[in-house]
Amino acid sequence: MNPKVDEFLSKTSKWKEEYEILRNIVLDCELTEDFKWMHPCYTYENKNIVLIHGFKEYIAFLFHKGSLLKDTHGILVQQTENVQAARQIRFTNVQEIVEKEDILKEYIYAAIEVEKAGLKVKKNTEFVIPDELQHKFDEIPALKTAFEELTPGRQRAYALYISKAKQSKTRESRVEKYIQKILDGKGLND
């Protein structure tokens, strides 16, 4: 048990009992407890397996490589269309967790096997450059060069974020806002 997780649980009020039960289930599977991204995280040989994360409407059991698991019980959820690897199992009360304890352990052991096998999630790095960003590339060649030097994931994040705006004016302002970060070689959320 990790003291950082103990501290986190002592301060949390929402989902407290659910966190405790999920924690015990994971620890029964002999994973190493850590505290990452401000949440309890469980690893196998320093590889992230599962994270427990409370939201407003539910508490989630997030498998980092959940897209590689066989969802034999049809309970894995892709948070948004842009999340490629992670999958969640969502709960709204203690009873749901207790009823699925054996299934959770089955999925945890399957996730450990994914790590042992060294499987990787094949990420979709395809995206379309929004016109507003392309216009800036034409105006500022150094911006295009800096963008191309970013990792594919960072490029994709910028392209998706900019293109999600409904109006061209908003897309243009988003491009303007992030020019310096792109030139500095930073990602959208860095």
Foldseek 3Di string as FASTA:
>chain_A
DDVLQVVLLVPDDPCSVVLVVVVVLVVVLVWDWDAPPNFIFTHDPPHTAWTWADDPQWIKTKGQQVVPDDPPVPQWADPDPQDQGMTIRTDRDDVVCVVCSVVVSVSSVRSVVCVVVVPDGDDDLDDDADPLLVVVCVVPVLLVVLLVPADSVLNRVLRVVLVVDPDPVSSNVSNVVCSVCSSVSHGPVD
